[in-house]
N, C-alpha and C. Protein backbone atom coordinates (compact mmCIF):
# COMPACT_ATOMS: atom_id res chain seq x y z
N UNK A 1 -30.28 16.89 -48.74
CA UNK A 1 -29.65 15.81 -47.99
C UNK A 1 -28.88 16.38 -46.80
N UNK A 2 -29.14 15.83 -45.63
CA UNK A 2 -28.45 16.32 -44.43
C UNK A 2 -27.05 15.72 -44.37
N UNK A 3 -26.11 16.51 -43.94
CA UNK A 3 -24.77 16.01 -43.73
C UNK A 3 -24.32 16.38 -42.32
N UNK A 4 -23.49 15.55 -41.74
CA UNK A 4 -23.03 15.79 -40.38
C UNK A 4 -21.93 16.82 -40.34
N UNK A 5 -21.34 16.94 -39.17
CA UNK A 5 -20.25 17.89 -38.98
C UNK A 5 -19.03 17.44 -39.76
N UNK A 6 -18.28 18.43 -40.22
CA UNK A 6 -17.05 18.13 -40.93
C UNK A 6 -16.06 17.47 -39.97
N UNK A 7 -15.30 16.55 -40.48
CA UNK A 7 -14.31 15.86 -39.65
C UNK A 7 -13.50 14.91 -40.50
N UNK A 8 -12.50 14.28 -39.90
CA UNK A 8 -11.66 13.35 -40.66
C UNK A 8 -12.43 12.11 -41.07
N UNK A 9 -12.00 11.53 -42.16
CA UNK A 9 -12.59 10.27 -42.60
C UNK A 9 -12.28 9.18 -41.58
N UNK A 10 -13.09 8.12 -41.53
CA UNK A 10 -12.85 7.05 -40.54
C UNK A 10 -11.43 6.53 -40.53
N UNK A 11 -10.84 6.36 -41.71
CA UNK A 11 -9.48 5.82 -41.76
C UNK A 11 -8.44 6.82 -41.28
N UNK A 12 -8.83 8.11 -41.17
CA UNK A 12 -7.89 9.13 -40.72
C UNK A 12 -8.01 9.43 -39.23
N UNK A 13 -9.03 8.86 -38.60
CA UNK A 13 -9.23 9.14 -37.18
C UNK A 13 -8.22 8.38 -36.33
N UNK A 14 -7.73 9.02 -35.25
CA UNK A 14 -6.75 8.32 -34.39
C UNK A 14 -7.39 7.12 -33.70
N UNK A 15 -6.63 6.07 -33.61
CA UNK A 15 -7.10 4.85 -32.94
C UNK A 15 -6.36 4.69 -31.63
N UNK A 16 -7.08 4.60 -30.51
CA UNK A 16 -6.40 4.44 -29.22
C UNK A 16 -5.54 3.19 -29.21
N UNK A 17 -4.35 3.33 -28.62
CA UNK A 17 -3.44 2.18 -28.55
C UNK A 17 -3.75 1.36 -27.31
N UNK A 18 -3.35 0.11 -27.33
CA UNK A 18 -3.50 -0.74 -26.16
C UNK A 18 -4.73 -1.63 -26.23
N UNK A 19 -4.63 -2.76 -25.57
CA UNK A 19 -5.74 -3.69 -25.53
C UNK A 19 -6.69 -3.32 -24.39
N UNK A 20 -7.82 -4.00 -24.33
CA UNK A 20 -8.76 -3.82 -23.23
C UNK A 20 -8.67 -5.02 -22.29
N UNK A 21 -8.78 -4.75 -20.96
CA UNK A 21 -8.77 -5.85 -20.00
C UNK A 21 -10.15 -6.46 -19.89
N UNK A 22 -10.33 -7.38 -18.92
CA UNK A 22 -11.59 -8.09 -18.79
C UNK A 22 -12.75 -7.16 -18.45
N UNK A 23 -12.44 -6.02 -17.82
CA UNK A 23 -13.50 -5.06 -17.48
C UNK A 23 -13.79 -4.09 -18.62
N UNK A 24 -13.11 -4.24 -19.75
CA UNK A 24 -13.34 -3.36 -20.89
C UNK A 24 -12.56 -2.07 -20.83
N UNK A 25 -11.65 -1.93 -19.84
CA UNK A 25 -10.85 -0.72 -19.70
C UNK A 25 -9.59 -0.88 -20.54
N UNK A 26 -9.30 0.17 -21.34
CA UNK A 26 -8.13 0.08 -22.20
C UNK A 26 -6.86 0.19 -21.36
N UNK A 27 -5.90 -0.71 -21.61
CA UNK A 27 -4.65 -0.77 -20.87
C UNK A 27 -3.60 0.04 -21.61
N UNK A 28 -2.99 1.00 -20.92
CA UNK A 28 -1.95 1.84 -21.50
C UNK A 28 -0.76 0.95 -21.90
N UNK A 29 -0.32 0.98 -23.18
CA UNK A 29 0.81 0.13 -23.60
C UNK A 29 2.06 0.36 -22.76
N UNK A 30 2.27 1.62 -22.32
CA UNK A 30 3.45 1.92 -21.51
C UNK A 30 3.37 1.21 -20.17
N UNK A 31 2.17 1.13 -19.62
CA UNK A 31 1.98 0.43 -18.35
C UNK A 31 2.17 -1.06 -18.52
N UNK A 32 1.71 -1.58 -19.65
CA UNK A 32 1.77 -3.01 -19.90
C UNK A 32 3.17 -3.46 -20.34
N UNK A 33 4.00 -2.53 -20.78
CA UNK A 33 5.34 -2.89 -21.23
C UNK A 33 6.13 -3.51 -20.08
N UNK A 34 7.15 -4.25 -20.43
CA UNK A 34 7.94 -4.97 -19.43
C UNK A 34 8.80 -4.00 -18.64
N UNK A 35 8.56 -3.93 -17.33
CA UNK A 35 9.36 -3.14 -16.40
C UNK A 35 9.51 -3.96 -15.13
N UNK A 36 10.64 -3.82 -14.46
CA UNK A 36 10.83 -4.52 -13.20
C UNK A 36 9.94 -3.88 -12.14
N UNK A 37 9.13 -4.67 -11.42
CA UNK A 37 8.30 -4.10 -10.36
C UNK A 37 9.14 -3.73 -9.15
N UNK A 38 8.65 -2.80 -8.38
CA UNK A 38 9.29 -2.43 -7.12
C UNK A 38 8.20 -2.17 -6.09
N UNK A 39 8.52 -2.37 -4.83
CA UNK A 39 7.56 -2.12 -3.75
C UNK A 39 7.75 -0.71 -3.24
N UNK A 40 6.65 0.01 -3.10
CA UNK A 40 6.72 1.38 -2.57
C UNK A 40 5.48 1.67 -1.76
N UNK A 41 5.52 2.77 -1.01
CA UNK A 41 4.40 3.18 -0.16
C UNK A 41 3.84 4.49 -0.68
N UNK A 42 2.52 4.52 -0.87
CA UNK A 42 1.83 5.73 -1.31
C UNK A 42 0.88 6.16 -0.20
N UNK A 43 0.97 7.43 0.18
CA UNK A 43 0.10 7.97 1.23
C UNK A 43 -0.90 8.93 0.59
N UNK A 44 -2.16 8.77 0.96
CA UNK A 44 -3.22 9.64 0.43
C UNK A 44 -3.98 10.27 1.58
N UNK A 45 -4.12 11.58 1.55
CA UNK A 45 -4.93 12.30 2.52
C UNK A 45 -6.31 12.49 1.90
N UNK A 46 -7.34 12.04 2.61
CA UNK A 46 -8.70 12.05 2.05
C UNK A 46 -9.68 12.67 3.03
N UNK A 47 -10.83 13.07 2.53
CA UNK A 47 -11.89 13.54 3.40
C UNK A 47 -12.44 12.36 4.20
N UNK A 48 -12.63 12.58 5.48
CA UNK A 48 -13.09 11.51 6.36
C UNK A 48 -14.61 11.42 6.26
N UNK A 49 -15.07 10.64 5.30
CA UNK A 49 -16.50 10.52 5.07
C UNK A 49 -16.83 9.10 4.62
N UNK A 50 -18.08 8.68 4.78
CA UNK A 50 -18.45 7.31 4.38
C UNK A 50 -18.22 7.08 2.88
N UNK A 51 -17.75 5.90 2.56
CA UNK A 51 -17.61 5.51 1.15
C UNK A 51 -16.26 5.78 0.54
N UNK A 52 -15.37 6.50 1.25
CA UNK A 52 -14.07 6.82 0.66
C UNK A 52 -13.25 5.56 0.42
N UNK A 53 -13.17 4.70 1.43
CA UNK A 53 -12.40 3.47 1.28
C UNK A 53 -12.97 2.60 0.18
N UNK A 54 -14.29 2.57 0.07
CA UNK A 54 -14.93 1.79 -1.00
C UNK A 54 -14.55 2.33 -2.37
N UNK A 55 -14.51 3.66 -2.50
CA UNK A 55 -14.11 4.27 -3.77
C UNK A 55 -12.68 3.90 -4.14
N UNK A 56 -11.80 3.95 -3.15
CA UNK A 56 -10.38 3.68 -3.41
C UNK A 56 -10.18 2.20 -3.74
N UNK A 57 -10.75 1.31 -2.94
CA UNK A 57 -10.59 -0.12 -3.21
C UNK A 57 -11.23 -0.51 -4.53
N UNK A 58 -12.36 0.13 -4.88
CA UNK A 58 -12.99 -0.13 -6.17
C UNK A 58 -12.11 0.29 -7.33
N UNK A 59 -11.40 1.40 -7.15
CA UNK A 59 -10.47 1.86 -8.18
C UNK A 59 -9.39 0.82 -8.42
N UNK A 60 -8.82 0.29 -7.33
CA UNK A 60 -7.76 -0.70 -7.47
C UNK A 60 -8.28 -1.97 -8.15
N UNK A 61 -9.49 -2.36 -7.80
CA UNK A 61 -10.07 -3.57 -8.38
C UNK A 61 -10.28 -3.40 -9.88
N UNK A 62 -10.81 -2.25 -10.28
CA UNK A 62 -11.08 -2.02 -11.70
C UNK A 62 -9.80 -1.96 -12.52
N UNK A 63 -8.79 -1.34 -11.95
CA UNK A 63 -7.54 -1.14 -12.68
C UNK A 63 -6.57 -2.30 -12.54
N UNK A 64 -6.91 -3.26 -11.67
CA UNK A 64 -6.08 -4.45 -11.48
C UNK A 64 -4.66 -4.10 -11.02
N UNK A 65 -4.56 -3.13 -10.11
CA UNK A 65 -3.27 -2.79 -9.53
C UNK A 65 -2.87 -3.87 -8.53
N UNK A 66 -1.57 -4.11 -8.42
CA UNK A 66 -1.06 -5.13 -7.50
C UNK A 66 -0.85 -4.49 -6.13
N UNK A 67 -1.90 -4.45 -5.31
CA UNK A 67 -1.84 -3.84 -4.00
C UNK A 67 -1.49 -4.89 -2.95
N UNK A 68 -0.40 -4.66 -2.21
CA UNK A 68 0.01 -5.60 -1.17
C UNK A 68 -0.75 -5.38 0.12
N UNK A 69 -0.95 -4.12 0.51
CA UNK A 69 -1.74 -3.83 1.71
C UNK A 69 -2.32 -2.43 1.61
N UNK A 70 -3.41 -2.22 2.36
CA UNK A 70 -4.07 -0.92 2.38
C UNK A 70 -4.61 -0.71 3.80
N UNK A 71 -4.21 0.40 4.41
CA UNK A 71 -4.73 0.74 5.73
C UNK A 71 -5.31 2.14 5.70
N UNK A 72 -6.28 2.39 6.56
CA UNK A 72 -6.90 3.71 6.64
C UNK A 72 -7.21 4.03 8.09
N UNK A 73 -7.06 5.29 8.46
CA UNK A 73 -7.34 5.69 9.84
C UNK A 73 -7.43 7.20 9.95
N UNK A 74 -7.93 7.69 11.08
CA UNK A 74 -8.07 9.14 11.29
C UNK A 74 -6.71 9.81 11.44
N UNK A 75 -6.70 11.12 11.30
CA UNK A 75 -5.48 11.92 11.46
C UNK A 75 -5.68 12.90 12.60
N UNK A 76 -4.74 13.85 12.71
CA UNK A 76 -4.86 14.89 13.74
C UNK A 76 -6.04 15.81 13.48
N UNK A 77 -6.56 15.79 12.26
CA UNK A 77 -7.74 16.58 11.89
C UNK A 77 -8.92 15.62 11.76
N UNK A 78 -9.96 15.83 12.55
CA UNK A 78 -11.09 14.89 12.56
C UNK A 78 -11.83 14.84 11.23
N UNK A 79 -11.62 15.83 10.37
CA UNK A 79 -12.29 15.84 9.07
C UNK A 79 -11.49 15.09 8.00
N UNK A 80 -10.29 14.65 8.33
CA UNK A 80 -9.42 14.02 7.35
C UNK A 80 -9.01 12.62 7.81
N UNK A 81 -8.75 11.75 6.85
CA UNK A 81 -8.23 10.41 7.12
C UNK A 81 -7.02 10.18 6.22
N UNK A 82 -6.17 9.24 6.65
CA UNK A 82 -4.99 8.92 5.86
C UNK A 82 -5.07 7.47 5.39
N UNK A 83 -4.88 7.27 4.11
CA UNK A 83 -4.83 5.93 3.53
C UNK A 83 -3.39 5.64 3.16
N UNK A 84 -2.88 4.51 3.62
CA UNK A 84 -1.51 4.10 3.31
C UNK A 84 -1.58 2.84 2.45
N UNK A 85 -0.97 2.90 1.28
CA UNK A 85 -1.05 1.81 0.32
C UNK A 85 0.35 1.31 0.01
N UNK A 86 0.55 0.01 0.15
CA UNK A 86 1.80 -0.61 -0.29
C UNK A 86 1.51 -1.27 -1.63
N UNK A 87 2.23 -0.83 -2.64
CA UNK A 87 1.98 -1.33 -4.00
C UNK A 87 3.27 -1.89 -4.56
N UNK A 88 3.15 -2.98 -5.29
CA UNK A 88 4.30 -3.56 -5.98
C UNK A 88 3.97 -3.61 -7.46
N UNK A 89 4.51 -2.67 -8.19
CA UNK A 89 4.21 -2.50 -9.61
C UNK A 89 5.45 -1.96 -10.32
N UNK A 90 5.53 -2.10 -11.64
CA UNK A 90 6.54 -1.36 -12.39
C UNK A 90 6.27 0.14 -12.26
N UNK A 91 7.24 0.96 -12.57
CA UNK A 91 7.09 2.41 -12.40
C UNK A 91 5.89 2.99 -13.13
N UNK A 92 5.60 2.58 -14.38
CA UNK A 92 4.39 3.14 -15.02
C UNK A 92 3.12 2.82 -14.24
N UNK A 93 3.07 1.64 -13.64
CA UNK A 93 1.91 1.27 -12.84
C UNK A 93 1.79 2.11 -11.59
N UNK A 94 2.92 2.39 -10.93
CA UNK A 94 2.92 3.24 -9.74
C UNK A 94 2.44 4.64 -10.09
N UNK A 95 2.91 5.15 -11.21
CA UNK A 95 2.44 6.47 -11.66
C UNK A 95 0.94 6.46 -11.89
N UNK A 96 0.41 5.38 -12.45
CA UNK A 96 -1.01 5.28 -12.70
C UNK A 96 -1.81 5.23 -11.41
N UNK A 97 -1.28 4.53 -10.40
CA UNK A 97 -1.95 4.50 -9.09
C UNK A 97 -2.13 5.92 -8.57
N UNK A 98 -1.07 6.71 -8.62
CA UNK A 98 -1.14 8.08 -8.11
C UNK A 98 -2.10 8.94 -8.94
N UNK A 99 -2.00 8.83 -10.26
CA UNK A 99 -2.86 9.64 -11.12
C UNK A 99 -4.33 9.31 -10.92
N UNK A 100 -4.65 8.01 -10.81
CA UNK A 100 -6.04 7.62 -10.64
C UNK A 100 -6.56 8.01 -9.27
N UNK A 101 -5.73 7.93 -8.24
CA UNK A 101 -6.15 8.36 -6.91
C UNK A 101 -6.48 9.85 -6.90
N UNK A 102 -5.67 10.65 -7.57
CA UNK A 102 -5.89 12.10 -7.58
C UNK A 102 -7.21 12.48 -8.26
N UNK A 103 -7.74 11.59 -9.10
CA UNK A 103 -8.99 11.89 -9.79
C UNK A 103 -10.22 11.70 -8.90
N UNK A 104 -10.05 10.95 -7.80
CA UNK A 104 -11.18 10.72 -6.91
C UNK A 104 -11.50 11.99 -6.12
N UNK A 105 -12.78 12.35 -6.07
CA UNK A 105 -13.20 13.60 -5.45
C UNK A 105 -12.79 13.69 -3.98
N UNK A 106 -12.95 12.63 -3.15
CA UNK A 106 -12.60 12.79 -1.72
C UNK A 106 -11.11 12.88 -1.45
N UNK A 107 -10.26 12.62 -2.46
CA UNK A 107 -8.81 12.60 -2.26
C UNK A 107 -8.26 14.02 -2.33
N UNK A 108 -7.55 14.43 -1.27
CA UNK A 108 -7.00 15.78 -1.18
C UNK A 108 -5.57 15.81 -1.69
N UNK A 109 -4.78 14.82 -1.31
CA UNK A 109 -3.37 14.82 -1.66
C UNK A 109 -2.87 13.38 -1.75
N UNK A 110 -1.93 13.16 -2.68
CA UNK A 110 -1.33 11.84 -2.88
C UNK A 110 0.17 12.01 -3.00
N UNK A 111 0.90 11.12 -2.35
CA UNK A 111 2.36 11.21 -2.43
C UNK A 111 2.99 9.83 -2.28
N UNK A 112 3.99 9.56 -3.11
CA UNK A 112 4.84 8.39 -2.92
C UNK A 112 5.90 8.75 -1.89
N UNK A 113 6.03 7.95 -0.84
CA UNK A 113 6.98 8.26 0.21
C UNK A 113 8.39 7.86 -0.17
N UNK A 114 9.35 8.54 0.45
CA UNK A 114 10.75 8.23 0.22
C UNK A 114 11.08 6.85 0.79
N UNK A 115 12.14 6.20 0.28
CA UNK A 115 12.50 4.87 0.78
C UNK A 115 12.79 4.82 2.27
N UNK A 116 13.20 5.96 2.88
CA UNK A 116 13.55 5.94 4.29
C UNK A 116 12.37 6.29 5.20
N UNK A 117 11.17 6.36 4.64
CA UNK A 117 9.99 6.67 5.46
C UNK A 117 9.81 5.63 6.56
N UNK A 118 9.23 6.05 7.68
CA UNK A 118 8.96 5.13 8.79
C UNK A 118 7.78 4.24 8.43
N UNK A 119 8.00 2.93 8.39
CA UNK A 119 6.97 1.98 8.01
C UNK A 119 6.79 0.97 9.14
N UNK A 120 5.58 0.81 9.58
CA UNK A 120 5.31 -0.09 10.69
C UNK A 120 4.05 -0.91 10.42
N UNK A 121 4.04 -2.10 11.03
CA UNK A 121 2.92 -3.01 10.90
C UNK A 121 2.71 -3.70 12.24
N UNK A 122 1.49 -4.09 12.53
CA UNK A 122 1.19 -4.83 13.75
C UNK A 122 0.67 -6.20 13.38
N UNK A 123 1.11 -7.21 14.15
CA UNK A 123 0.65 -8.58 13.92
C UNK A 123 0.25 -9.22 15.24
N UNK A 124 -0.83 -9.97 15.21
CA UNK A 124 -1.23 -10.82 16.32
C UNK A 124 -0.96 -12.25 15.90
N UNK A 125 -0.15 -12.95 16.70
CA UNK A 125 0.27 -14.31 16.35
C UNK A 125 -0.18 -15.25 17.46
N UNK A 126 -1.07 -16.17 17.15
CA UNK A 126 -1.56 -17.14 18.13
C UNK A 126 -0.86 -18.47 17.91
N UNK A 127 -0.20 -18.97 18.96
CA UNK A 127 0.58 -20.21 18.85
C UNK A 127 0.15 -21.21 19.92
N UNK A 128 0.57 -22.45 19.72
CA UNK A 128 0.37 -23.47 20.74
C UNK A 128 1.17 -23.10 21.99
N UNK A 129 0.60 -23.35 23.17
CA UNK A 129 1.25 -22.96 24.42
C UNK A 129 1.87 -24.15 25.14
N UNK A 130 2.31 -25.16 24.42
CA UNK A 130 2.93 -26.33 25.05
C UNK A 130 4.24 -25.96 25.74
N UNK A 131 4.94 -24.93 25.21
CA UNK A 131 6.22 -24.51 25.79
C UNK A 131 6.14 -23.02 26.12
N UNK A 132 5.37 -22.63 27.15
CA UNK A 132 5.12 -21.21 27.43
C UNK A 132 6.37 -20.41 27.70
N UNK A 133 7.37 -20.99 28.37
CA UNK A 133 8.60 -20.25 28.66
C UNK A 133 9.33 -19.89 27.36
N UNK A 134 9.37 -20.81 26.42
CA UNK A 134 10.04 -20.55 25.16
C UNK A 134 9.26 -19.54 24.31
N UNK A 135 7.94 -19.64 24.37
CA UNK A 135 7.11 -18.65 23.65
C UNK A 135 7.39 -17.26 24.20
N UNK A 136 7.46 -17.12 25.52
CA UNK A 136 7.73 -15.83 26.13
C UNK A 136 9.12 -15.31 25.75
N UNK A 137 10.09 -16.22 25.66
CA UNK A 137 11.44 -15.82 25.28
C UNK A 137 11.48 -15.28 23.86
N UNK A 138 10.77 -15.93 22.94
CA UNK A 138 10.72 -15.44 21.56
C UNK A 138 9.99 -14.11 21.50
N UNK A 139 8.92 -13.96 22.28
CA UNK A 139 8.19 -12.69 22.31
C UNK A 139 9.12 -11.56 22.76
N UNK A 140 9.94 -11.80 23.79
CA UNK A 140 10.90 -10.79 24.25
C UNK A 140 11.92 -10.47 23.17
N UNK A 141 12.32 -11.47 22.42
CA UNK A 141 13.31 -11.29 21.35
C UNK A 141 12.83 -10.26 20.32
N UNK A 142 11.52 -10.26 20.06
CA UNK A 142 10.95 -9.35 19.07
C UNK A 142 10.17 -8.20 19.70
N UNK A 143 10.45 -7.91 20.98
CA UNK A 143 9.77 -6.84 21.72
C UNK A 143 8.26 -7.01 21.67
N UNK A 144 7.81 -8.25 21.68
CA UNK A 144 6.38 -8.53 21.62
C UNK A 144 5.73 -8.54 22.98
N UNK A 145 4.41 -8.41 23.00
CA UNK A 145 3.63 -8.46 24.22
C UNK A 145 2.64 -9.62 24.13
N UNK A 146 2.57 -10.41 25.19
CA UNK A 146 1.57 -11.48 25.24
C UNK A 146 0.24 -10.85 25.65
N UNK A 147 -0.72 -10.86 24.74
CA UNK A 147 -2.00 -10.19 24.99
C UNK A 147 -3.11 -11.16 25.38
N UNK A 148 -2.84 -12.45 25.24
CA UNK A 148 -3.83 -13.45 25.66
C UNK A 148 -3.11 -14.78 25.87
N UNK A 149 -3.55 -15.51 26.90
CA UNK A 149 -2.95 -16.82 27.13
C UNK A 149 -3.98 -17.75 27.76
N UNK A 150 -3.82 -19.02 27.47
CA UNK A 150 -4.67 -20.06 28.02
C UNK A 150 -3.83 -21.31 28.11
N UNK A 151 -4.34 -22.37 28.71
CA UNK A 151 -3.53 -23.60 28.76
C UNK A 151 -3.17 -24.13 27.39
N UNK A 152 -3.96 -23.79 26.37
CA UNK A 152 -3.72 -24.35 25.03
C UNK A 152 -2.98 -23.39 24.09
N UNK A 153 -3.22 -22.08 24.23
CA UNK A 153 -2.67 -21.13 23.26
C UNK A 153 -2.12 -19.88 23.95
N UNK A 154 -1.26 -19.18 23.21
CA UNK A 154 -0.77 -17.86 23.63
C UNK A 154 -0.80 -16.96 22.40
N UNK A 155 -1.24 -15.72 22.60
CA UNK A 155 -1.29 -14.77 21.49
C UNK A 155 -0.34 -13.61 21.79
N UNK A 156 0.56 -13.34 20.85
CA UNK A 156 1.59 -12.32 21.03
C UNK A 156 1.37 -11.21 20.01
N UNK A 157 1.50 -9.98 20.48
CA UNK A 157 1.42 -8.80 19.61
C UNK A 157 2.83 -8.34 19.29
N UNK A 158 3.13 -8.20 18.00
CA UNK A 158 4.43 -7.74 17.54
C UNK A 158 4.23 -6.54 16.63
N UNK A 159 5.00 -5.48 16.86
CA UNK A 159 4.93 -4.29 16.04
C UNK A 159 6.31 -3.98 15.46
N UNK A 160 6.35 -3.60 14.20
CA UNK A 160 7.63 -3.24 13.60
C UNK A 160 7.55 -3.22 12.09
N UNK A 161 8.71 -3.16 11.45
CA UNK A 161 8.79 -3.18 10.00
C UNK A 161 8.39 -4.56 9.48
N UNK A 162 8.07 -4.62 8.21
CA UNK A 162 7.60 -5.87 7.60
C UNK A 162 8.60 -7.00 7.79
N UNK A 163 9.88 -6.68 7.65
CA UNK A 163 10.92 -7.69 7.80
C UNK A 163 10.90 -8.29 9.21
N UNK A 164 10.72 -7.44 10.20
CA UNK A 164 10.68 -7.91 11.58
C UNK A 164 9.46 -8.80 11.82
N UNK A 165 8.31 -8.40 11.29
CA UNK A 165 7.09 -9.19 11.45
C UNK A 165 7.26 -10.57 10.84
N UNK A 166 7.80 -10.62 9.64
CA UNK A 166 7.96 -11.90 8.97
C UNK A 166 8.99 -12.78 9.67
N UNK A 167 10.04 -12.16 10.22
CA UNK A 167 11.02 -12.94 10.98
C UNK A 167 10.39 -13.51 12.24
N UNK A 168 9.55 -12.71 12.92
CA UNK A 168 8.88 -13.18 14.13
C UNK A 168 7.95 -14.35 13.81
N UNK A 169 7.20 -14.23 12.74
CA UNK A 169 6.29 -15.32 12.35
C UNK A 169 7.08 -16.59 12.07
N UNK A 170 8.20 -16.44 11.37
CA UNK A 170 9.03 -17.61 11.05
C UNK A 170 9.55 -18.28 12.33
N UNK A 171 9.94 -17.46 13.32
CA UNK A 171 10.46 -18.02 14.57
C UNK A 171 9.35 -18.66 15.40
N UNK A 172 8.20 -18.02 15.45
CA UNK A 172 7.08 -18.58 16.22
C UNK A 172 6.54 -19.88 15.62
N UNK A 173 6.84 -20.11 14.35
CA UNK A 173 6.29 -21.30 13.69
C UNK A 173 6.77 -22.60 14.33
N UNK A 174 7.87 -22.53 15.06
CA UNK A 174 8.38 -23.74 15.71
C UNK A 174 7.42 -24.26 16.78
N UNK A 175 6.54 -23.39 17.30
CA UNK A 175 5.60 -23.80 18.34
C UNK A 175 4.27 -24.30 17.76
N UNK A 176 4.05 -24.04 16.48
CA UNK A 176 2.78 -24.37 15.85
C UNK A 176 1.85 -23.18 15.88
N UNK A 177 1.75 -22.48 14.76
CA UNK A 177 0.91 -21.28 14.68
C UNK A 177 -0.54 -21.68 14.42
N UNK A 178 -1.43 -21.16 15.25
CA UNK A 178 -2.86 -21.43 15.10
C UNK A 178 -3.53 -20.39 14.19
N UNK A 179 -3.21 -19.11 14.41
CA UNK A 179 -3.81 -18.04 13.62
C UNK A 179 -2.87 -16.84 13.57
N UNK A 180 -3.00 -16.05 12.50
CA UNK A 180 -2.24 -14.80 12.37
C UNK A 180 -3.18 -13.72 11.83
N UNK A 181 -3.07 -12.53 12.39
CA UNK A 181 -3.79 -11.37 11.84
C UNK A 181 -2.79 -10.22 11.75
N UNK A 182 -2.71 -9.61 10.55
CA UNK A 182 -1.77 -8.50 10.32
C UNK A 182 -2.53 -7.27 9.84
N UNK A 183 -2.06 -6.10 10.27
CA UNK A 183 -2.77 -4.87 9.93
C UNK A 183 -2.43 -4.34 8.55
N UNK A 184 -1.27 -4.70 8.02
CA UNK A 184 -0.78 -4.01 6.84
C UNK A 184 0.05 -2.80 7.28
N UNK A 185 0.75 -2.20 6.35
CA UNK A 185 1.71 -1.14 6.66
C UNK A 185 1.04 0.21 6.83
N UNK A 186 1.48 0.95 7.85
CA UNK A 186 1.17 2.36 7.95
C UNK A 186 2.50 3.11 7.97
N UNK A 187 2.53 4.35 7.49
CA UNK A 187 3.81 5.01 7.30
C UNK A 187 3.69 6.52 7.45
N UNK A 188 4.80 7.14 7.85
CA UNK A 188 4.94 8.59 7.91
C UNK A 188 6.31 8.97 7.39
N UNK A 189 6.39 10.15 6.77
CA UNK A 189 7.68 10.68 6.33
C UNK A 189 8.49 11.07 7.56
N UNK A 190 9.80 11.09 7.42
CA UNK A 190 10.67 11.41 8.54
C UNK A 190 10.81 12.92 8.75
N UNK A 191 11.16 13.27 10.00
CA UNK A 191 11.47 14.66 10.32
C UNK A 191 10.32 15.62 10.05
N UNK A 192 10.64 16.78 9.53
CA UNK A 192 9.63 17.81 9.25
C UNK A 192 8.98 17.64 7.88
N UNK A 193 9.43 16.65 7.13
CA UNK A 193 8.85 16.40 5.82
C UNK A 193 7.41 15.92 5.98
N UNK A 194 6.45 16.59 5.31
CA UNK A 194 5.06 16.20 5.43
C UNK A 194 4.76 14.95 4.62
N UNK A 195 4.00 14.04 5.22
CA UNK A 195 3.68 12.78 4.55
C UNK A 195 2.76 13.02 3.36
N UNK A 196 1.66 13.66 3.61
CA UNK A 196 0.72 14.05 2.55
C UNK A 196 -0.18 15.09 3.15
N UNK A 197 -0.22 16.26 2.55
CA UNK A 197 -1.01 17.35 3.09
C UNK A 197 -1.48 18.23 1.95
N UNK A 198 -2.23 19.27 2.28
CA UNK A 198 -2.73 20.18 1.25
C UNK A 198 -1.54 20.73 0.46
N UNK A 199 -1.61 20.56 -0.86
CA UNK A 199 -0.56 21.11 -1.70
C UNK A 199 0.67 20.24 -1.80
N UNK A 200 0.66 19.05 -1.20
CA UNK A 200 1.83 18.19 -1.26
C UNK A 200 1.94 17.54 -2.63
N UNK A 201 3.08 17.63 -3.24
CA UNK A 201 3.32 17.00 -4.54
C UNK A 201 4.23 15.81 -4.34
N UNK A 202 4.54 15.15 -5.43
CA UNK A 202 5.48 14.04 -5.35
C UNK A 202 6.85 14.59 -5.00
N UNK A 203 7.71 13.78 -4.38
CA UNK A 203 9.03 14.26 -3.98
C UNK A 203 9.83 14.75 -5.16
N UNK A 204 10.66 15.76 -4.88
CA UNK A 204 11.49 16.31 -5.95
C UNK A 204 12.47 15.29 -6.47
N UNK A 205 12.73 14.24 -5.70
CA UNK A 205 13.68 13.21 -6.11
C UNK A 205 13.07 12.23 -7.08
N UNK A 206 11.84 12.50 -7.53
CA UNK A 206 11.18 11.59 -8.48
C UNK A 206 12.04 11.37 -9.71
N UNK A 207 12.77 12.41 -10.11
CA UNK A 207 13.58 12.29 -11.33
C UNK A 207 14.81 11.43 -11.12
N UNK A 208 15.15 11.19 -9.87
CA UNK A 208 16.33 10.38 -9.58
C UNK A 208 15.95 8.92 -9.54
N UNK A 209 16.14 8.21 -10.62
CA UNK A 209 15.68 6.83 -10.71
C UNK A 209 16.54 5.88 -9.90
N UNK A 210 17.66 6.37 -9.37
CA UNK A 210 18.49 5.49 -8.56
C UNK A 210 17.75 5.03 -7.31
N UNK A 211 16.89 5.89 -6.77
CA UNK A 211 16.20 5.53 -5.53
C UNK A 211 15.12 4.49 -5.78
N UNK A 212 14.76 4.25 -7.04
CA UNK A 212 13.70 3.30 -7.33
C UNK A 212 14.09 1.89 -6.88
N UNK A 213 15.37 1.65 -6.81
CA UNK A 213 15.81 0.31 -6.44
C UNK A 213 16.42 0.29 -5.04
N UNK A 214 16.25 1.42 -4.29
CA UNK A 214 16.74 1.49 -2.93
C UNK A 214 15.66 1.05 -1.98
N UNK A 215 15.98 0.12 -1.09
CA UNK A 215 14.98 -0.38 -0.15
C UNK A 215 15.28 0.18 1.23
N UNK A 216 14.21 0.58 1.92
CA UNK A 216 14.36 1.16 3.24
C UNK A 216 14.81 0.13 4.26
N UNK A 217 15.64 0.57 5.20
CA UNK A 217 16.07 -0.32 6.28
C UNK A 217 14.90 -0.68 7.17
N UNK A 218 13.85 0.16 7.16
CA UNK A 218 12.68 -0.12 7.98
C UNK A 218 11.70 -1.04 7.29
N UNK A 219 11.94 -1.33 6.01
CA UNK A 219 10.96 -2.14 5.27
C UNK A 219 11.51 -3.49 4.87
N UNK A 220 12.58 -3.51 4.12
CA UNK A 220 13.13 -4.76 3.61
C UNK A 220 14.50 -5.04 4.21
C-alpha cells in the first residue's frame, strides 16, 4: 500500500485566518480590523516601460485599496518613471499598499512621504462667461491663468495644493461650472531628502505614530 509523505493530520494543520473577498483573495484580519483611516502620499520609482501603470492599477483593483488619485510621469532619468499615489486607508492598509507595490517586478523603490512633502495638483475649470470681469478676478485670487475663452465660456487653469484647488472650484461655482478636469496629486520630498530612489526605504519616523494624524499645510 502506498502512503504519502509524513505530515500533520488534517485537524493539526494551520488554517489561514481571515475571510476571502469577492475576488477570492484572503483578507488579512489585521487589515480588516477597525482602524481610523488617514490620507497619505506614496511615491514609487518604476522602470519606464509599457504595462507598468496597468500592473499597478490592477494591483489596487484586486486588493480593493481606497486610492484617491494616481499620477505617473517621467523623471530626470529617461529609463525611470515616478508614480504618485494618494491613498486613504487605515495604517495596516497603507502598509499593505507598500508591501504589494514592492512585489511588482518593474517597481524599484517605494516610500511613504512625510506630511510636509510638497504636494501639487492642476485643475482646468470651465465656467459660464456671463460675468468675464468677475471670472478674471477670481482667477487672479487663486493665481490662475485663463487658458481659453469664448463668448459663452472661460476655462481657467489653477495649480496648487488640494485645499486650494477645492476652494477655487467652490468659488468658481457661483458662475456656473460647465466642466472640471483634475490631474490628481504629484509630490516630492523637501530639501535634499530623496522622494524615492534606489535603496530608499520608508522614513525613519515610521515608528513615530504621532505623525500619522499630522496633516501637511500643503495638503489639507
